[in-house]
Amino acid sequence: MKGLTKYWNKISGKTLLLFAVFSSFIFSCQEPDPYPITPQIYFNNIQYVELLENGNPDSLILYFDFEDGNGDLGLEGDEIQTPYQDYNFYYDANGVLITYDQTDVNLPITIYDPAEDINITFDEDIRPSYDCINYEILYIDYENRRYLPPGTDPDDIDTNVYEQDTVFLQRNPFRNNIEVKYFRKTGIDEYEEIDWRYRASEYGCGLSFDGRFPILDFESLSNSGSLEGTIKYGMVSAGFRTVLKKDTFNIKFRIMDRSLRQSNFAETGDITLDQLIR
């Protein structure tokens, strides 16, 4: 049995300035698995670090314990193959990527579901009004059949082959392996979800606190060994006080393993920022 520590950082330049820090304290064991292969998580603690300086982001730091029977936790940043890709695309009957302003959509529309390994079809044009959740500006080829991943070096883009367009797509729910939801308390046992994506823009162009943490232990992953430990997940935003104020809120969260098995939702219970100040 051994212990180790890993760190993960995610930085965003969006309006709300979201930032996540990940670290874990892990114990792995090659003895018979004491835990189920579906990960289980348990809320441990949460802290709020307020800098009280203009323009500097504050931090909410979430601690939770985890158990996993076969150690298949974590995704590296360059893992974009199915089923961990960024997007699932909608195609028309001719196999053409569908764009926002496309007028000649040949039905049916098809999208591939990587979790079920099936194609889902629609017999009507299901494109919604523009928002940043259902559309993304990407470089696609002039036949609308291929795209370039976001972040492609502009110097590597052949503009004789690719042009920018607004593509209709689904953001792959399996791209990230930690999901975080905020809920504001509005009454006795009544809550409303705070969607951080819409705090930066009416079109949902902000970021959520969902993220991707790296492989926790390559040895356990290779040998299907059990893992247990504590994860520290830091969420940084310049908008905590603006959005949450002195309101009572609750955070629910879960993780997912490499086989797409989702853990239980754990939650912090009712809290306020003032209660959590460290």
Foldseek 3Di string as FASTA:
>chain_A
DDWDKDKDKDWDPAPFTKIKIKMWIKDWDLPQFPDEQQKAKAWDDWFKADPPDPPFWIKIKTKMKMKHRQQQAFDDPPPQPPPQNFWWFKAAPVQAFDADPDDDGHDWIWTADRLVRDIDTDGDDPDDPAFPQQKDWFWAFPRRNDTDDPPPDPVPDDPVGTDIGITGIHGRPNNFFKDKWKWFDDDVVDTDTDLVLPVRHVRSNDDDLTHGGHRDDVVSNVSRIMMITMMMMMIITNCCCVPQPFTWMKMWMWGAGPSRRIYDIYMDPIDGNVVRHD
